[in-house]
PDB file of N, CA and C in Angstrom:
ATOM      1  N   MET A   1     109.093  84.272 110.405  1.00  0.00           N
ATOM      2  CA  MET A   1     108.883  84.640 111.772  1.00  0.00           C
ATOM      3  C   MET A   1     107.515  84.430 112.369  1.00  0.00           C
ATOM      4  N   ALA A   2     107.412  83.881 113.425  1.00  0.00           N
ATOM      5  CA  ALA A   2     106.038  83.457 113.927  1.00  0.00           C
ATOM      6  C   ALA A   2     105.243  84.896 114.466  1.00  0.00           C
ATOM      7  N   PRO A   3     103.992  84.875 114.094  1.00  0.00           N
ATOM      8  CA  PRO A   3     103.166  86.056 114.639  1.00  0.00           C
ATOM      9  C   PRO A   3     103.037  85.973 116.196  1.00  0.00           C
ATOM     10  N   GLY A   4     102.848  87.341 116.763  1.00  0.00           N
ATOM     11  CA  GLY A   4     102.561  87.136 118.143  1.00  0.00           C
ATOM     12  C   GLY A   4     101.189  86.615 118.297  1.00  0.00           C
ATOM     13  N   PHE A   5     100.860  85.993 119.704  1.00  0.00           N
ATOM     14  CA  PHE A   5      99.582  85.630 119.952  1.00  0.00           C
ATOM     15  C   PHE A   5      98.661  86.823 119.966  1.00  0.00           C
ATOM     16  N   PRO A   6      97.477  86.716 119.215  1.00  0.00           N
ATOM     17  CA  PRO A   6      96.495  87.770 119.439  1.00  0.00           C
ATOM     18  C   PRO A   6      95.844  87.880 120.820  1.00  0.00           C
ATOM     19  N   ALA A   7      95.898  89.060 121.412  1.00  0.00           N
ATOM     20  CA  ALA A   7      95.236  89.216 122.643  1.00  0.00           C
ATOM     21  C   ALA A   7      93.745  88.792 122.713  1.00  0.00           C
ATOM     22  N   GLY A   8      93.070  88.955 121.557  1.00  0.00           N
ATOM     23  CA  GLY A   8      91.488  88.773 121.536  1.00  0.00           C
ATOM     24  C   GLY A   8      91.431  87.086 121.563  1.00  0.00           C
ATOM     25  N   LEU A   9      92.257  86.368 121.377  1.00  0.00           N
ATOM     26  CA  LEU A   9      92.266  84.856 121.527  1.00  0.00           C
ATOM     27  C   LEU A   9      92.607  84.355 122.907  1.00  0.00           C
ATOM     28  N   LEU A  10      92.911  85.245 123.854  1.00  0.00           N
ATOM     29  CA  LEU A  10      93.265  84.714 125.228  1.00  0.00           C
ATOM     30  C   LEU A  10      92.218  83.818 125.876  1.00  0.00           C
ATOM     31  N   ALA A  11      90.872  84.276 125.717  1.00  0.00           N
ATOM     32  CA  ALA A  11      89.951  83.468 126.210  1.00  0.00           C
ATOM     33  C   ALA A  11      89.846  82.066 125.684  1.00  0.00           C
ATOM     34  N   GLU A  12      89.994  82.041 124.405  1.00  0.00           N
ATOM     35  CA  GLU A  12      89.969  80.809 123.538  1.00  0.00           C
ATOM     36  C   GLU A  12      91.044  79.923 124.191  1.00  0.00           C
ATOM     37  N   ALA A  13      92.171  80.482 124.331  1.00  0.00           N
ATOM     38  CA  ALA A  13      93.430  79.709 124.869  1.00  0.00           C
ATOM     39  C   ALA A  13      92.985  79.246 126.378  1.00  0.00           C
ATOM     40  N   ARG A  14      92.499  79.822 127.188  1.00  0.00           N
ATOM     41  CA  ARG A  14      92.109  79.470 128.506  1.00  0.00           C
ATOM     42  C   ARG A  14      91.139  78.368 128.413  1.00  0.00           C
ATOM     43  N   SER A  15      90.217  78.214 127.392  1.00  0.00           N
ATOM     44  CA  SER A  15      89.338  77.260 127.113  1.00  0.00           C
ATOM     45  C   SER A  15      89.972  75.980 126.589  1.00  0.00           C
ATOM     46  N   ALA A  16      91.298  75.982 126.101  1.00  0.00           N
ATOM     47  CA  ALA A  16      91.861  74.837 125.454  1.00  0.00           C
ATOM     48  C   ALA A  16      93.240  74.519 126.116  1.00  0.00           C
ATOM     49  N   PRO A  17      93.267  74.212 127.344  1.00  0.00           N
ATOM     50  CA  PRO A  17      94.502  73.963 127.955  1.00  0.00           C
ATOM     51  C   PRO A  17      95.131  72.685 127.351  1.00  0.00           C
ATOM     52  N   GLY A  18      96.464  72.704 126.932  1.00  0.00           N
ATOM     53  CA  GLY A  18      96.968  71.547 126.437  1.00  0.00           C
ATOM     54  C   GLY A  18      96.716  71.306 124.877  1.00  0.00           C
ATOM     55  N   GLY A  19      95.897  72.165 124.299  1.00  0.00           N
ATOM     56  CA  GLY A  19      95.586  71.928 122.889  1.00  0.00           C
ATOM     57  C   GLY A  19      96.187  73.045 122.026  1.00  0.00           C
ATOM     58  N   ARG A  20      95.515  73.365 121.067  1.00  0.00           N
ATOM     59  CA  ARG A  20      95.980  74.600 120.227  1.00  0.00           C
ATOM     60  C   ARG A  20      94.770  75.540 119.889  1.00  0.00           C
ATOM     61  N   VAL A  21      95.157  76.825 119.545  1.00  0.00           N
ATOM     62  CA  VAL A  21      94.211  77.840 119.086  1.00  0.00           C
ATOM     63  C   VAL A  21      94.605  78.084 117.589  1.00  0.00           C
ATOM     64  N   TYR A  22      93.636  78.019 116.790  1.00  0.00           N
ATOM     65  CA  TYR A  22      93.999  78.215 115.304  1.00  0.00           C
ATOM     66  C   TYR A  22      93.376  79.599 114.757  1.00  0.00           C
ATOM     67  N   ALA A  23      94.306  80.124 113.902  1.00  0.00           N
ATOM     68  CA  ALA A  23      94.063  81.441 113.303  1.00  0.00           C
ATOM     69  C   ALA A  23      93.234  81.091 111.925  1.00  0.00           C
ATOM     70  N   ILE A  24      91.919  81.604 111.895  1.00  0.00           N
ATOM     71  CA  ILE A  24      91.238  81.173 110.571  1.00  0.00           C
ATOM     72  C   ILE A  24      91.055  82.430 109.699  1.00  0.00           C
ATOM     73  N   ASP A  25      91.298  82.337 108.497  1.00  0.00           N
ATOM     74  CA  ASP A  25      91.154  83.379 107.563  1.00  0.00           C
ATOM     75  C   ASP A  25      89.756  83.630 107.541  1.00  0.00           C
ATOM     76  N   PRO A  26      89.343  84.946 107.589  1.00  0.00           N
ATOM     77  CA  PRO A  26      87.854  85.445 107.853  1.00  0.00           C
ATOM     78  C   PRO A  26      87.236  85.093 106.427  1.00  0.00           C
ATOM     79  N   GLY A  27      87.853  85.003 105.357  1.00  0.00           N
ATOM     80  CA  GLY A  27      87.215  84.550 104.089  1.00  0.00           C
ATOM     81  C   GLY A  27      86.558  83.170 104.097  1.00  0.00           C
ATOM     82  N   TYR A  28      87.020  82.336 105.143  1.00  0.00           N
ATOM     83  CA  TYR A  28      86.716  81.026 105.078  1.00  0.00           C
ATOM     84  C   TYR A  28      85.685  80.841 106.371  1.00  0.00           C
ATOM     85  N   ALA A  29      85.865  81.823 107.377  1.00  0.00           N
ATOM     86  CA  ALA A  29      85.146  81.491 108.594  1.00  0.00           C
ATOM     87  C   ALA A  29      83.751  81.037 108.534  1.00  0.00           C
ATOM     88  N   SER A  30      82.953  81.340 107.625  1.00  0.00           N
ATOM     89  CA  SER A  30      81.554  81.019 107.639  1.00  0.00           C
ATOM     90  C   SER A  30      81.137  79.993 106.347  1.00  0.00           C
ATOM     91  N   ASP A  31      82.139  79.623 105.662  1.00  0.00           N
ATOM     92  CA  ASP A  31      82.014  78.754 104.515  1.00  0.00           C
ATOM     93  C   ASP A  31      81.441  77.363 104.956  1.00  0.00           C
ATOM     94  N   GLY A  32      81.992  76.650 106.075  1.00  0.00           N
ATOM     95  CA  GLY A  32      81.902  75.265 106.310  1.00  0.00           C
ATOM     96  C   GLY A  32      80.524  75.094 107.007  1.00  0.00           C
ATOM     97  N   ALA A  33      79.972  73.846 106.783  1.00  0.00           N
ATOM     98  CA  ALA A  33      78.661  73.482 107.423  1.00  0.00           C
ATOM     99  C   ALA A  33      79.174  73.271 109.024  1.00  0.00           C
ATOM    100  N   GLY A  34      78.184  73.806 109.825  1.00  0.00           N
ATOM    101  CA  GLY A  34      78.442  73.676 111.278  1.00  0.00           C
ATOM    102  C   GLY A  34      79.761  74.295 111.800  1.00  0.00           C
ATOM    103  N   GLY A  35      80.157  75.316 111.042  1.00  0.00           N
ATOM    104  CA  GLY A  35      81.387  76.120 111.344  1.00  0.00           C
ATOM    105  C   GLY A  35      82.684  75.438 111.068  1.00  0.00           C
ATOM    106  N   ALA A  36      82.621  74.505 110.264  1.00  0.00           N
ATOM    107  CA  ALA A  36      83.821  73.695 109.780  1.00  0.00           C
ATOM    108  C   ALA A  36      84.562  74.527 108.784  1.00  0.00           C
ATOM    109  N   VAL A  37      85.706  74.627 108.879  1.00  0.00           N
ATOM    110  CA  VAL A  37      86.847  75.431 108.002  1.00  0.00           C
ATOM    111  C   VAL A  37      87.513  74.421 107.174  1.00  0.00           C
ATOM    112  N   PRO A  38      87.743  74.515 105.905  1.00  0.00           N
ATOM    113  CA  PRO A  38      88.563  73.646 105.048  1.00  0.00           C
ATOM    114  C   PRO A  38      90.068  73.957 105.578  1.00  0.00           C
ATOM    115  N   PRO A  39      90.968  72.996 105.372  1.00  0.00           N
ATOM    116  CA  PRO A  39      92.382  73.140 105.677  1.00  0.00           C
ATOM    117  C   PRO A  39      93.027  74.296 104.977  1.00  0.00           C
ATOM    118  N   GLU A  40      92.587  74.640 103.809  1.00  0.00           N
ATOM    119  CA  GLU A  40      93.308  75.938 103.297  1.00  0.00           C
ATOM    120  C   GLU A  40      92.838  77.148 103.973  1.00  0.00           C
ATOM    121  N   GLY A  41      91.849  77.146 104.739  1.00  0.00           N
ATOM    122  CA  GLY A  41      91.332  78.269 105.372  1.00  0.00           C
ATOM    123  C   GLY A  41      91.919  78.611 106.767  1.00  0.00           C
ATOM    124  N   ILE A  42      92.802  77.681 107.221  1.00  0.00           N
ATOM    125  CA  ILE A  42      93.450  77.831 108.406  1.00  0.00           C
ATOM    126  C   ILE A  42      94.730  78.375 108.207  1.00  0.00           C
ATOM    127  N   ILE A  43      95.112  79.554 108.826  1.00  0.00           N
ATOM    128  CA  ILE A  43      96.409  80.337 108.660  1.00  0.00           C
ATOM    129  C   ILE A  43      97.509  79.488 109.411  1.00  0.00           C
ATOM    130  N   GLY A  44      97.173  79.105 110.638  1.00  0.00           N
ATOM    131  CA  GLY A  44      98.198  78.521 111.417  1.00  0.00           C
ATOM    132  C   GLY A  44      97.587  78.241 112.797  1.00  0.00           C
ATOM    133  N   ALA A  45      98.396  77.597 113.745  1.00  0.00           N
ATOM    134  CA  ALA A  45      98.001  77.315 115.174  1.00  0.00           C
ATOM    135  C   ALA A  45      99.033  77.604 116.138  1.00  0.00           C
ATOM    136  N   TRP A  46      98.671  78.125 117.345  1.00  0.00           N
ATOM    137  CA  TRP A  46      99.547  78.242 118.380  1.00  0.00           C
ATOM    138  C   TRP A  46      99.254  77.113 119.619  1.00  0.00           C
ATOM    139  N   LYS A  47     100.398  76.587 120.066  1.00  0.00           N
ATOM    140  CA  LYS A  47     100.149  75.602 121.056  1.00  0.00           C
ATOM    141  C   LYS A  47      99.929  76.323 122.341  1.00  0.00           C
ATOM    142  N   ILE A  48      98.868  75.629 123.091  1.00  0.00           N
ATOM    143  CA  ILE A  48      98.516  76.244 124.357  1.00  0.00           C
ATOM    144  C   ILE A  48      99.128  75.408 125.430  1.00  0.00           C
ATOM    145  N   GLY A  49      99.618  75.963 126.552  1.00  0.00           N
ATOM    146  CA  GLY A  49     100.279  75.123 127.546  1.00  0.00           C
ATOM    147  C   GLY A  49      99.001  74.504 128.578  1.00  0.00           C
ATOM    148  N   ASP A  50      99.459  73.576 129.307  1.00  0.00           N
ATOM    149  CA  ASP A  50      98.462  72.890 130.205  1.00  0.00           C
ATOM    150  C   ASP A  50      98.004  74.079 131.083  1.00  0.00           C
ATOM    151  N   ASP A  51      98.485  75.104 131.273  1.00  0.00           N
ATOM    152  CA  ASP A  51      97.950  76.091 132.297  1.00  0.00           C
ATOM    153  C   ASP A  51      96.870  77.074 131.460  1.00  0.00           C
ATOM    154  N   GLY A  52      96.636  76.861 130.096  1.00  0.00           N
ATOM    155  CA  GLY A  52      95.702  77.600 129.536  1.00  0.00           C
ATOM    156  C   GLY A  52      96.337  78.856 128.749  1.00  0.00           C
ATOM    157  N   ARG A  53      97.679  79.037 129.012  1.00  0.00           N
ATOM    158  CA  ARG A  53      98.323  80.233 128.257  1.00  0.00           C
ATOM    159  C   ARG A  53      99.214  79.666 126.970  1.00  0.00           C
ATOM    160  N   PRO A  54      99.174  80.691 126.037  1.00  0.00           N
ATOM    161  CA  PRO A  54     100.150  80.470 124.897  1.00  0.00           C
ATOM    162  C   PRO A  54     101.460  79.999 125.258  1.00  0.00           C
ATOM    163  N   ALA A  55     101.857  78.914 124.778  1.00  0.00           N
ATOM    164  CA  ALA A  55     103.205  78.209 125.009  1.00  0.00           C
ATOM    165  C   ALA A  55     104.382  78.913 124.273  1.00  0.00           C
ATOM    166  N   GLY A  56     104.085  79.786 123.252  1.00  0.00           N
ATOM    167  CA  GLY A  56     105.101  80.290 122.239  1.00  0.00           C
ATOM    168  C   GLY A  56     105.375  79.683 121.155  1.00  0.00           C
ATOM    169  N   GLU A  57     104.827  78.389 121.038  1.00  0.00           N
ATOM    170  CA  GLU A  57     105.048  77.747 119.681  1.00  0.00           C
ATOM    171  C   GLU A  57     103.919  78.067 118.701  1.00  0.00           C
ATOM    172  N   TYR A  58     104.350  78.348 117.498  1.00  0.00           N
ATOM    173  CA  TYR A  58     103.399  78.527 116.265  1.00  0.00           C
ATOM    174  C   TYR A  58     103.696  77.792 115.075  1.00  0.00           C
ATOM    175  N   ARG A  59     102.543  77.089 114.667  1.00  0.00           N
ATOM    176  CA  ARG A  59     102.924  76.294 113.371  1.00  0.00           C
ATOM    177  C   ARG A  59     102.089  76.975 112.298  1.00  0.00           C
ATOM    178  N   ALA A  60     102.775  77.593 111.161  1.00  0.00           N
ATOM    179  CA  ALA A  60     102.155  77.912 109.986  1.00  0.00           C
ATOM    180  C   ALA A  60     101.548  76.773 109.203  1.00  0.00           C
ATOM    181  N   ASN A  61     100.436  76.991 108.525  1.00  0.00           N
ATOM    182  CA  ASN A  61      99.716  75.798 107.795  1.00  0.00           C
ATOM    183  C   ASN A  61     100.360  76.033 106.270  1.00  0.00           C
ATOM    184  N   ASP A  62     100.961  74.822 105.881  1.00  0.00           N
ATOM    185  CA  ASP A  62     101.528  74.960 104.494  1.00  0.00           C
ATOM    186  C   ASP A  62     100.364  74.791 103.496  1.00  0.00           C
ATOM    187  N   ARG A  63      99.223  74.405 103.780  1.00  0.00           N
ATOM    188  CA  ARG A  63      98.148  74.351 102.956  1.00  0.00           C
ATOM    189  C   ARG A  63      97.223  75.598 102.808  1.00  0.00           C
ATOM    190  N   TYR A  64      97.450  76.630 103.683  1.00  0.00           N
ATOM    191  CA  TYR A  64      96.881  77.779 103.618  1.00  0.00           C
ATOM    192  C   TYR A  64      96.956  78.510 102.263  1.00  0.00           C
ATOM    193  N   GLY A  65      95.919  78.818 101.646  1.00  0.00           N
ATOM    194  CA  GLY A  65      95.954  79.617 100.339  1.00  0.00           C
ATOM    195  C   GLY A  65      95.544  80.852 100.274  1.00  0.00           C
ATOM    196  N   GLY A  66      95.271  81.515 101.232  1.00  0.00           N
ATOM    197  CA  GLY A  66      94.720  82.956 101.405  1.00  0.00           C
ATOM    198  C   GLY A  66      93.381  83.046 100.826  1.00  0.00           C
ATOM    199  N   SER A  67      92.859  84.202 100.925  1.00  0.00           N
ATOM    200  CA  SER A  67      91.476  84.409 100.279  1.00  0.00           C
ATOM    201  C   SER A  67      91.475  86.088  99.949  1.00  0.00           C
ATOM    202  N   SER A  68      90.349  86.354  99.339  1.00  0.00           N
ATOM    203  CA  SER A  68      90.427  87.818  98.988  1.00  0.00           C
ATOM    204  C   SER A  68      90.136  88.804 100.040  1.00  0.00           C
ATOM    205  N   SER A  69      89.610  88.249 101.184  1.00  0.00           N
ATOM    206  CA  SER A  69      89.595  89.187 102.288  1.00  0.00           C
ATOM    207  C   SER A  69      90.743  89.112 103.303  1.00  0.00           C
ATOM    208  N   SER A  70      91.692  88.275 103.136  1.00  0.00           N
ATOM    209  CA  SER A  70      92.876  88.215 103.854  1.00  0.00           C
ATOM    210  C   SER A  70      93.950  87.580 102.992  1.00  0.00           C
ATOM    211  N   PRO A  71      94.434  88.418 101.921  1.00  0.00           N
ATOM    212  CA  PRO A  71      95.448  87.780 101.099  1.00  0.00           C
ATOM    213  C   PRO A  71      96.703  87.699 101.729  1.00  0.00           C
ATOM    214  N   GLY A  72      97.105  88.164 102.788  1.00  0.00           N
ATOM    215  CA  GLY A  72      98.570  87.830 103.169  1.00  0.00           C
ATOM    216  C   GLY A  72      98.641  87.105 104.558  1.00  0.00           C
ATOM    217  N   GLY A  73      97.507  86.823 105.105  1.00  0.00           N
ATOM    218  CA  GLY A  73      97.651  86.049 106.314  1.00  0.00           C
ATOM    219  C   GLY A  73      96.957  86.794 107.516  1.00  0.00           C
ATOM    220  N   LEU A  74      97.658  86.756 108.693  1.00  0.00           N
ATOM    221  CA  LEU A  74      96.919  87.528 109.800  1.00  0.00           C
ATOM    222  C   LEU A  74      96.887  88.900 109.705  1.00  0.00           C
ATOM    223  N   ALA A  75      95.770  89.411 110.131  1.00  0.00           N
ATOM    224  CA  ALA A  75      95.489  90.936 110.111  1.00  0.00           C
ATOM    225  C   ALA A  75      96.112  91.552 111.318  1.00  0.00           C
TER     226      ALA A  75
END
């Protein structure tokens, strides 16, 4: 079952019309140089419609490995 879109990411969605908004495991958020997150640190992504609102489509990341700060995925 896909998680609901977090209200805290609505501003991010408005700034990414036609794109995706990614759920990042907090255990990986500051690891990458220049804010880069390794593929195994991305929990999944929501598709954003051309109007800047969540389109209802969520894709889980098969490469997500979890971390000690978020062992089960989305908080």
